[in-house]
Protein backbone atom coordinates (compact mmCIF):
# COMPACT_ATOMS: atom_id res chain seq x y z
CA MET A 1 90.12 66.89 115.20
CA PHE A 2 91.64 67.46 111.73
CA SER A 3 93.29 64.10 111.11
CA ASP A 4 92.16 60.68 112.15
CA GLU A 5 95.49 59.33 111.03
CA LEU A 6 97.29 61.66 113.45
CA ALA A 7 94.92 60.61 116.28
CA GLU A 8 95.71 56.96 115.67
CA ALA A 9 99.43 57.63 115.52
CA TYR A 10 99.17 59.58 118.82
CA LEU A 11 97.39 56.73 120.52
CA ASP A 12 100.00 54.32 119.22
CA GLY A 13 102.74 56.58 120.65
CA ASN A 14 104.41 57.51 117.41
CA PRO A 15 102.92 60.76 115.90
CA THR A 16 105.26 62.09 113.15
CA LYS A 17 106.16 65.60 112.26
CA GLU A 18 104.75 65.13 108.79
CA LEU A 19 101.33 64.08 110.20
CA LEU A 20 101.34 67.02 112.59
CA ILE A 21 102.08 69.51 109.81
CA LYS A 22 99.38 67.95 107.55
CA ALA A 23 96.79 68.28 110.38
CA ILE A 24 97.71 71.87 111.22
CA ARG A 25 97.59 72.83 107.48
CA LYS A 26 94.07 71.32 107.16
CA GLY A 27 92.82 73.23 110.23
CA THR A 28 94.43 76.46 109.08
CA ILE A 29 92.90 76.28 105.58
CA GLN A 30 89.50 75.61 107.18
CA GLU A 31 90.07 78.74 109.33
CA LYS A 32 89.61 76.75 112.50
CA LEU A 33 93.28 76.85 113.63
CA VAL A 34 95.68 79.85 113.84
CA PRO A 35 99.36 78.93 114.05
CA VAL A 36 101.23 81.29 116.32
CA PHE A 37 104.88 82.18 115.93
CA VAL A 38 107.03 84.31 118.22
CA GLY A 39 109.70 86.57 116.93
CA SER A 40 110.68 90.14 116.01
CA ALA A 41 111.19 91.47 112.45
CA TYR A 42 112.90 94.48 114.04
CA ARG A 43 115.54 92.28 115.71
CA ASN A 44 115.52 89.72 112.80
CA LYS A 45 114.48 86.97 115.26
CA GLY A 46 112.20 84.03 114.42
CA VAL A 47 111.82 85.04 110.72
CA GLN A 48 112.97 81.72 109.27
CA PRO A 49 110.47 79.58 111.30
CA LEU A 50 107.68 81.96 110.21
CA LEU A 51 108.67 81.48 106.54
CA ASP A 52 108.69 77.73 106.96
CA GLY A 53 105.21 78.04 108.50
CA VAL A 54 103.99 79.91 105.45
CA ILE A 55 105.03 77.04 103.26
CA ASN A 56 103.82 74.35 105.58
CA PHE A 57 100.47 75.74 106.70
CA LEU A 58 99.10 78.32 104.31
CA PRO A 59 97.03 77.48 101.19
CA ASP A 60 98.19 77.83 97.60
CA PRO A 61 95.86 79.76 95.19
CA SER A 62 94.13 76.56 94.15
CA GLU A 63 92.99 75.93 97.74
CA ARG A 64 91.30 79.28 98.26
CA GLN A 65 88.87 81.44 96.38
CA ASN A 66 90.83 84.52 95.25
CA LYS A 67 89.23 87.75 94.14
CA ALA A 68 90.23 90.83 92.18
CA LEU A 69 88.64 94.26 91.66
CA ASP A 70 87.57 95.24 88.12
CA LEU A 71 88.64 98.86 87.66
CA SER A 72 86.55 99.13 84.47
CA ASN A 73 83.42 98.29 86.54
CA ALA A 74 83.62 100.47 89.64
CA GLU A 75 85.98 98.02 91.42
CA ALA A 76 83.36 95.25 91.34
CA GLU A 77 84.61 91.96 92.77
CA VAL A 78 85.67 89.31 90.32
CA GLU A 79 86.37 85.66 91.28
CA LEU A 80 89.65 84.44 89.83
CA GLN A 81 90.01 80.90 88.42
CA ALA A 82 93.06 78.89 89.33
CA ASN A 83 93.40 77.72 85.76
CA ASP A 84 96.27 77.97 83.28
CA GLN A 85 93.86 78.54 80.39
CA GLU A 86 92.37 81.76 81.77
CA LYS A 87 93.72 85.26 81.11
CA THR A 88 96.60 86.16 83.30
CA VAL A 89 96.23 87.95 86.67
CA ALA A 90 99.39 88.13 88.93
CA LEU A 91 100.55 90.10 91.93
CA ALA A 92 103.94 91.71 92.46
CA PHE A 93 104.50 91.14 96.16
CA LYS A 94 108.27 91.77 96.66
CA LEU A 95 111.04 93.81 95.04
CA GLU A 96 114.69 93.07 95.28
CA GLU A 97 117.73 95.02 94.06
CA GLY A 98 120.23 92.62 92.48
CA GLN A 99 123.33 92.86 90.37
CA TYR A 100 121.20 92.75 87.20
CA GLY A 101 118.73 95.40 88.33
CA GLN A 102 115.33 95.22 90.02
CA LEU A 103 113.98 91.72 90.55
CA THR A 104 110.20 91.52 90.93
CA TYR A 105 108.69 88.50 92.68
CA VAL A 106 105.24 87.61 91.31
CA ARG A 107 102.55 85.13 92.39
CA ILE A 108 100.34 83.99 89.48
CA TYR A 109 96.66 83.73 90.61
CA GLN A 110 95.09 83.07 87.18
CA GLY A 111 96.48 82.00 83.82
CA MET A 112 100.20 81.68 82.97
CA ILE A 113 103.18 83.94 82.35
CA ARG A 114 105.42 83.12 79.45
CA LYS A 115 108.71 84.65 78.36
CA GLY A 116 107.82 87.27 75.76
CA ASP A 117 104.24 87.79 76.97
CA GLU A 118 102.82 91.29 77.07
CA LEU A 119 101.23 92.24 80.38
CA TYR A 120 99.48 95.33 81.72
CA ASN A 121 100.33 97.07 85.05
CA THR A 122 96.92 98.39 86.20
CA ARG A 123 98.36 100.88 88.75
CA ALA A 124 100.90 102.49 86.39
CA ARG A 125 98.54 102.01 83.36
CA LYS A 126 101.43 100.75 81.27
CA ARG A 127 102.03 97.69 79.14
CA PHE A 128 105.36 95.80 79.31
CA ARG A 129 106.88 92.69 77.81
CA VAL A 130 108.24 89.90 79.90
CA GLY A 131 111.95 89.50 79.21
CA ARG A 132 113.85 87.25 81.51
CA LEU A 133 111.71 84.93 83.64
CA VAL A 134 113.22 82.97 86.53
CA ARG A 135 112.34 80.76 89.46
CA MET A 136 114.20 81.59 92.68
CA HIS A 137 115.85 79.00 94.90
CA SER A 138 117.08 81.08 97.87
CA SER A 139 119.81 83.26 96.34
CA SER A 140 120.13 81.16 93.15
CA MET A 141 117.86 81.42 90.14
CA GLU A 142 116.75 79.12 87.34
CA ASP A 143 115.77 80.51 83.98
CA ILE A 144 112.35 79.22 82.87
CA GLN A 145 110.18 79.69 79.80
CA GLU A 146 106.85 79.87 81.61
CA GLY A 147 105.20 80.00 85.03
CA ASN A 148 101.95 78.22 85.76
CA CYS A 149 98.96 79.27 87.85
CA GLY A 150 99.90 79.22 91.51
CA ASP A 151 103.66 79.58 90.87
CA ILE A 152 105.89 82.23 92.33
CA VAL A 153 108.29 83.53 89.61
CA ALA A 154 110.50 86.55 89.28
CA LEU A 155 110.82 89.05 86.46
CA PHE A 156 113.84 91.22 85.59
CA GLY A 157 113.85 94.89 84.57
CA ILE A 158 110.18 95.68 85.29
CA GLU A 159 109.50 99.17 86.59
CA CYS A 160 106.80 98.68 89.31
CA ALA A 161 105.99 98.96 92.95
CA SER A 162 105.16 96.33 95.54
CA GLY A 163 101.46 95.47 95.38
CA ASP A 164 101.09 96.13 91.63
CA THR A 165 98.84 93.86 89.63
CA PHE A 166 99.96 92.44 86.24
CA CYS A 167 97.23 91.14 84.01
CA HIS A 168 96.37 90.34 80.39
CA PRO A 169 96.06 93.51 78.36
CA ASP A 170 92.31 92.78 77.88
CA LEU A 171 91.72 92.98 81.63
CA ASN A 172 91.83 95.87 84.00
CA TYR A 173 91.93 94.04 87.34
CA THR A 174 93.70 94.87 90.60
CA MET A 175 94.31 92.42 93.38
CA THR A 176 94.45 95.23 95.94
CA SER A 177 92.46 98.42 96.48
CA MET A 178 94.04 101.45 94.79
CA TYR A 179 93.57 103.42 98.04
CA VAL A 180 96.80 104.21 99.85
CA PRO A 181 96.44 105.99 103.23
CA GLU A 182 98.33 109.20 103.84
CA PRO A 183 101.34 108.97 106.25
CA VAL A 184 100.68 110.03 109.86
CA ILE A 185 104.20 110.36 111.14
CA SER A 186 107.43 111.78 109.87
CA LEU A 187 111.02 111.63 110.98
CA ALA A 188 114.16 113.50 109.92
CA ILE A 189 117.19 111.23 109.27
CA THR A 190 120.86 112.31 108.82
CA PRO A 191 123.55 110.05 107.36
CA LYS A 192 126.66 109.76 109.59
CA ASP A 193 129.15 110.08 106.66
CA ASN A 194 129.35 110.42 102.89
CA LYS A 195 129.37 106.67 102.33
CA SER A 196 126.19 106.27 104.40
CA SER A 197 124.63 109.17 102.35
CA ASP A 198 125.08 107.24 99.08
CA GLN A 199 123.71 104.04 100.60
CA MET A 200 120.76 105.88 102.19
CA SER A 201 119.67 107.17 98.79
CA LYS A 202 119.76 103.62 97.34
CA ALA A 203 117.84 102.25 100.36
CA LEU A 204 115.13 104.97 100.32
CA ASN A 205 114.59 104.44 96.55
CA ARG A 206 114.11 100.73 97.06
CA PHE A 207 111.89 101.09 100.14
CA THR A 208 109.49 103.55 98.48
CA LYS A 209 109.02 101.08 95.61
CA GLU A 210 108.36 98.21 98.05
CA ASP A 211 105.89 100.02 100.27
CA PRO A 212 103.51 102.65 98.99
CA THR A 213 102.73 103.81 102.62
CA PHE A 214 106.42 104.66 103.13
CA ARG A 215 107.44 108.05 101.62
CA THR A 216 110.43 110.26 101.61
CA TYR A 217 111.35 113.79 100.57
CA VAL A 218 113.95 116.53 101.24
CA ASP A 219 112.66 119.48 103.29
CA PRO A 220 113.45 122.62 101.27
CA GLU A 221 113.90 124.79 104.38
CA SER A 222 116.13 122.55 106.54
CA ASN A 223 117.55 120.45 103.63
CA GLN A 224 116.95 117.33 105.78
CA THR A 225 115.81 114.02 104.50
CA ILE A 226 112.36 113.24 105.85
CA ILE A 227 110.83 109.75 106.01
CA GLN A 228 107.07 109.25 106.54
CA GLY A 229 104.99 106.27 107.46
CA MET A 230 102.11 104.76 109.39
CA GLY A 231 103.64 104.67 112.84
CA GLU A 232 106.75 104.82 114.99
CA LEU A 233 107.57 101.14 114.62
CA HIS A 234 107.03 101.33 110.82
CA LEU A 235 109.81 103.91 110.52
CA GLU A 236 112.09 102.11 113.05
CA VAL A 237 111.96 98.90 110.97
CA TYR A 238 113.19 100.81 107.82
CA ILE A 239 115.99 102.47 109.80
CA GLU A 240 117.07 99.05 111.04
CA ARG A 241 116.89 97.67 107.51
CA MET A 242 119.16 100.46 106.26
CA LYS A 243 121.70 99.48 108.82
CA ARG A 244 121.45 95.70 108.22
CA GLU A 245 120.97 95.57 104.44
CA TYR A 246 122.85 98.67 103.29
CA LYS A 247 125.44 99.16 106.05
CA CYS A 248 124.04 102.70 106.35
CA GLU A 249 124.21 104.42 109.69
CA VAL A 250 121.74 107.28 110.11
CA THR A 251 120.82 109.52 113.00
CA PRO A 252 117.08 109.86 113.47
CA GLY A 253 115.49 113.00 114.80
CA MET A 254 112.36 113.31 116.96
CA PRO A 255 109.22 111.88 115.36
CA GLN A 256 106.79 114.53 113.96
CA VAL A 257 103.06 114.10 113.78
CA ALA A 258 101.44 114.79 110.39
CA TYR A 259 98.95 117.47 111.48
CA ARG A 260 96.41 118.97 109.05
CA GLU A 261 94.59 122.26 108.94
CA THR A 262 90.94 122.81 107.94
CA ILE A 263 88.20 125.49 108.08
CA THR A 264 85.11 125.51 110.22
CA GLN A 265 82.85 128.01 108.43
CA ARG A 266 82.15 129.61 105.06
CA ALA A 267 84.16 132.71 104.05
CA ASP A 268 83.88 134.92 100.95
CA PHE A 269 86.67 136.24 98.80
CA ASN A 270 87.03 138.88 96.04
CA TYR A 271 90.66 139.13 95.18
CA THR A 272 92.48 140.93 92.42
CA HIS A 273 96.00 140.01 91.45
CA LYS A 274 97.60 142.91 89.54
CA LYS A 275 101.29 143.28 88.67
CA GLN A 276 102.89 145.61 86.12
CA THR A 277 106.56 145.02 85.22
CA GLY A 278 107.05 147.35 82.22
CA GLY A 279 105.91 145.01 79.49
CA SER A 280 102.77 142.88 79.65
CA GLY A 281 101.79 142.56 83.25
CA GLN A 282 99.68 140.12 85.22
CA TYR A 283 95.99 140.56 85.95
CA GLY A 284 93.23 138.35 87.28
CA ARG A 285 90.23 138.85 89.59
CA ILE A 286 88.48 135.97 91.36
CA ALA A 287 85.34 136.09 93.53
CA GLY A 288 83.55 133.28 95.36
CA TYR A 289 83.79 131.48 98.67
CA ILE A 290 85.34 128.56 100.55
CA GLU A 291 83.38 126.27 102.87
CA PRO A 292 83.93 123.18 104.97
CA PHE A 293 83.89 119.88 102.96
CA LYS A 294 84.11 116.23 103.98
CA GLU A 295 87.25 115.16 105.89
CA GLY A 296 90.43 114.76 103.96
CA SER A 297 88.90 115.94 100.69
CA TYR A 298 88.93 118.92 98.34
CA GLU A 299 86.44 120.07 95.75
CA PHE A 300 86.63 122.85 93.17
CA VAL A 301 83.32 124.20 91.86
CA ASP A 302 83.00 126.47 88.82
CA LEU A 303 79.83 128.63 88.86
CA ILE A 304 81.16 131.27 86.46
CA LYS A 305 78.56 132.55 84.02
CA GLY A 306 78.88 134.84 80.96
CA GLY A 307 82.59 134.30 80.52
CA ALA A 308 83.60 136.53 83.49
CA ILE A 309 86.75 134.27 83.62
CA PRO A 310 87.67 132.78 80.22
CA ASN A 311 87.37 128.95 80.12
CA GLU A 312 91.11 128.48 79.53
CA PHE A 313 91.85 130.06 82.94
CA ILE A 314 89.37 128.01 85.04
CA PRO A 315 91.89 125.18 85.52
CA SER A 316 94.44 127.83 86.55
CA CYS A 317 92.10 128.83 89.44
CA ASP A 318 91.88 125.15 90.52
CA LYS A 319 95.71 124.81 90.35
CA GLY A 320 96.09 127.95 92.48
CA PHE A 321 93.70 126.81 95.18
CA ARG A 322 95.51 123.49 95.37
CA ALA A 323 98.90 125.21 95.70
CA ALA A 324 97.52 127.48 98.49
CA MET A 325 96.35 124.43 100.40
CA GLU A 326 99.73 122.74 100.44
CA LYS A 327 100.81 124.87 103.48
CA GLY A 328 98.42 126.34 105.99
CA ALA A 329 98.92 129.63 107.89
CA LEU A 330 98.38 128.16 111.33
CA ILE A 331 101.29 125.68 111.66
CA GLY A 332 102.41 125.15 108.08
CA PHE A 333 100.73 121.78 107.46
CA PRO A 334 98.54 120.89 104.45
CA ILE A 335 94.89 122.06 104.47
CA THR A 336 92.11 119.56 103.88
CA GLY A 337 88.30 119.38 103.96
CA VAL A 338 87.63 122.47 101.79
CA ARG A 339 85.28 123.22 98.87
CA CYS A 340 86.40 126.21 96.76
CA VAL A 341 83.69 127.93 94.75
CA ILE A 342 84.25 130.61 92.11
CA ASN A 343 81.21 132.57 90.88
CA ASP A 344 82.65 135.83 89.44
CA GLY A 345 85.79 137.36 88.24
CA GLN A 346 87.40 139.55 85.60
CA SER A 347 90.21 139.19 83.02
CA HIS A 348 92.33 141.51 80.88
CA PRO A 349 92.74 140.91 77.16
CA VAL A 350 96.55 141.36 77.43
CA ASP A 351 97.68 140.86 80.98
CA SER A 352 95.63 137.87 81.97
CA SER A 353 97.41 134.49 81.82
CA ASP A 354 97.58 131.07 83.40
CA ILE A 355 100.11 132.22 86.00
CA ALA A 356 98.14 135.38 86.80
CA PHE A 357 94.98 133.37 87.69
CA GLN A 358 97.02 130.95 89.71
CA PHE A 359 98.35 133.78 91.80
CA ALA A 360 94.85 135.30 92.01
CA ALA A 361 93.50 131.96 93.41
CA ILE A 362 96.36 131.72 95.91
CA GLY A 363 95.65 135.23 97.10
CA ALA A 364 91.92 134.69 97.21
CA PHE A 365 92.26 131.51 99.29
CA ARG A 366 94.56 133.18 101.79
CA GLU A 367 92.16 136.14 102.07
CA ALA A 368 89.24 133.89 102.87
CA TYR A 369 91.19 131.40 105.01
CA ASP A 370 91.76 133.78 107.90
CA LYS A 371 88.00 134.59 107.93
CA ALA A 372 86.93 130.86 107.86
CA LYS A 373 88.02 130.10 111.41
CA PRO A 374 90.76 127.67 110.64
CA ALA A 375 91.49 124.80 112.97
CA ILE A 376 94.27 122.21 113.45
CA LEU A 377 93.53 118.48 112.98
CA GLU A 378 95.54 115.61 114.43
CA PRO A 379 95.68 111.92 113.44
CA ILE A 380 93.68 109.65 115.78
CA MET A 381 94.78 106.07 116.02
CA LYS A 382 92.75 102.95 116.74
CA VAL A 383 94.66 101.29 119.51
CA VAL A 384 93.92 97.70 120.56
CA VAL A 385 95.55 96.47 123.84
CA GLU A 386 95.52 92.84 124.95
CA THR A 387 96.41 92.46 128.57
CA PRO A 388 95.99 90.05 131.46
CA ASN A 389 92.91 91.05 133.48
CA GLU A 390 95.03 91.94 136.47
CA PHE A 391 96.52 94.88 134.64
CA GLN A 392 93.26 96.12 133.04
CA GLY A 393 93.07 99.13 135.44
CA ASN A 394 96.63 100.20 134.66
CA VAL A 395 95.94 100.08 130.92
CA PHE A 396 92.70 102.05 131.20
CA ALA A 397 94.58 104.72 133.22
CA SER A 398 97.45 104.84 130.70
CA LEU A 399 95.09 105.39 127.81
CA ASN A 400 93.03 108.03 129.62
CA GLN A 401 96.21 109.92 130.41
CA ARG A 402 96.92 110.04 126.70
CA ARG A 403 93.62 111.66 125.82
CA GLY A 404 92.29 108.29 124.76
CA ILE A 405 88.59 107.37 124.41
CA ILE A 406 87.73 103.82 125.34
CA MET A 407 85.53 102.36 122.54
CA ALA A 408 85.12 98.75 123.64
CA ASN A 409 86.33 96.27 126.24
CA THR A 410 85.91 92.52 126.03
CA GLU A 411 87.30 90.02 128.48
CA ASN A 412 87.40 86.34 129.33
CA SER A 413 88.67 84.69 132.44
CA ILE A 414 92.26 85.50 131.65
CA PHE A 415 92.67 88.33 129.10
CA SER A 416 91.07 91.70 128.31
CA ARG A 417 90.91 93.26 124.89
CA ILE A 418 90.62 97.05 125.06
CA GLU A 419 89.90 99.18 122.03
CA ALA A 420 90.43 102.92 122.14
CA GLU A 421 90.94 105.96 119.90
CA VAL A 422 94.08 107.86 120.93
CA PRO A 423 95.88 110.83 119.32
CA LEU A 424 99.09 109.76 117.67
CA SER A 425 101.06 112.48 119.36
CA GLU A 426 100.37 110.73 122.71
CA MET A 427 101.51 107.30 121.63
CA PHE A 428 105.24 107.85 121.21
CA GLY A 429 107.09 105.43 123.53
CA TYR A 430 103.92 103.69 124.62
CA SER A 431 105.37 100.24 124.09
CA THR A 432 107.94 100.87 126.80
CA VAL A 433 105.27 102.30 129.15
CA LEU A 434 102.96 99.30 128.51
CA ARG A 435 105.76 96.79 129.20
CA SER A 436 106.43 98.55 132.55
CA LEU A 437 102.77 98.63 133.57
CA THR A 438 102.02 95.02 132.74
CA GLN A 439 105.38 93.35 133.55
CA GLY A 440 105.91 92.72 129.81
CA LYS A 441 102.67 90.60 129.56
CA ALA A 442 100.49 92.94 127.38
CA GLU A 443 100.84 93.94 123.76
CA PHE A 444 99.11 96.52 121.54
CA SER A 445 98.53 97.28 117.87
CA MET A 446 97.79 100.61 116.36
CA GLU A 447 96.42 101.85 113.00
CA PHE A 448 95.19 105.17 111.60
CA GLU A 449 91.52 105.83 112.21
CA LYS A 450 90.70 109.49 111.40
CA TYR A 451 91.61 113.10 111.89
CA ALA A 452 90.03 115.24 114.62
CA ARG A 453 90.32 118.78 115.96
CA VAL A 454 93.06 119.21 118.64
CA PRO A 455 92.08 120.74 122.02
CA ALA A 456 92.31 124.53 122.32
CA ALA A 457 95.35 124.46 124.63
CA LEU A 458 97.32 122.18 122.35
CA SER A 459 96.33 124.29 119.32
CA GLU A 460 97.76 127.37 121.01
CA GLN A 461 100.97 125.55 121.91
CA LEU A 462 101.39 124.19 118.33
CA ARG A 463 100.81 127.70 116.95
CA LYS A 464 103.33 129.17 119.36
CA ASP A 465 105.97 126.55 118.51
CA TYR A 466 105.40 127.15 114.80
CA LEU A 467 105.78 130.90 115.10
CA GLU A 468 108.97 130.54 117.09
CA LYS A 469 110.50 128.14 114.58
CA HIS A 470 109.47 130.37 111.72
CA LYS A 471 110.99 133.35 113.45
CA LYS A 472 114.26 131.59 114.02
CA GLY A 473 114.38 130.49 110.40
CA HIS A 474 114.19 134.13 109.25
CA LYS A 475 116.92 135.48 111.46
């Protein structure tokens, strides 16, 4: 179909590996063939054949039309030219910690990169100069003076993250969207000994640079290290990488869902923050209201007239509202989907300050929050299950048991493809359940879809668990 030469060789009884690879490559580039490889990144199985397949079957930049987004023009699409003479556009796709520091792998999609060139990192909004430029050959490297369009080269000593775009200083292009989804799952990890603790810090520092959807922080209350990501498997892969690449043994805790809080109705506030400590005190009064806003967003609106709150303290109000929304009163998770409006207030010529109006905004928000009928939101995942038709009923039942809503179901004579929206909290351990229900013949994928209100019974349980945990923490 994709090679007359291969067809003739097959009829003659001597098709060669080279002819087969050439035909598969042609069909893949035409998007009429999809090479399938079997393996597991988690178990480090089948990775090398996959990499060989990338080289053998996938196109280089000159064989495809590549596009970038112009950040100076509302992210309008721009077609890149696979030409050495054009201004440089390149993508940092991999980071590696070596004995000489961070090594950044870069694919050049337009123009060239020369040693000594000045490039611009569009995400970080910083310019940098190319120092050492190398071409990698497995673990060895070759110093080069320049890289041409289509080449994969590596740069030393560049502070960047995986997915960053480097371009000519005259351009403001990005190869990927600047949107990074918020994590939907978190996990506490504890190193097994002091050596593992040191290695864990190095690993987490590297992983957060490699993957913007992977995040980590130390919980100030429990002093535990928390990792966050886009799913259970996402975090399991990084824990396995710590063990394999850094010889770092960690004990994971139970996965925690990244719930959110929001409000469901408008509520007014009129709050005065007043504190006297002997010298100059603190004073600030804020009036206005909070109301529901679009999902996952926050908006601050200033309707102050006549200087009731001096202009220099308006940003302080915004800062205070943001601080108040970092931790909700229901279960301690961030608050989203709120518009905060101020329309009146009062200041004092001596006692008013930036910090006074921040505290006033925090108090005002908390005053209104309780009256705004707050609710708990949970992440809803888009789940796609592909299963033999004989197990379709089992899969439907398993999704329904997990509060899933079936969105679509397509099938042929052999397989069914079931799409559903399921709360993340119900999906822990689903891979094991699915294997059992389908004799290991089904598979599923999962990605974040949206946030939605939790059922009343679950809301009450989450609230009860939070209050008990909070009570224990203060004993």
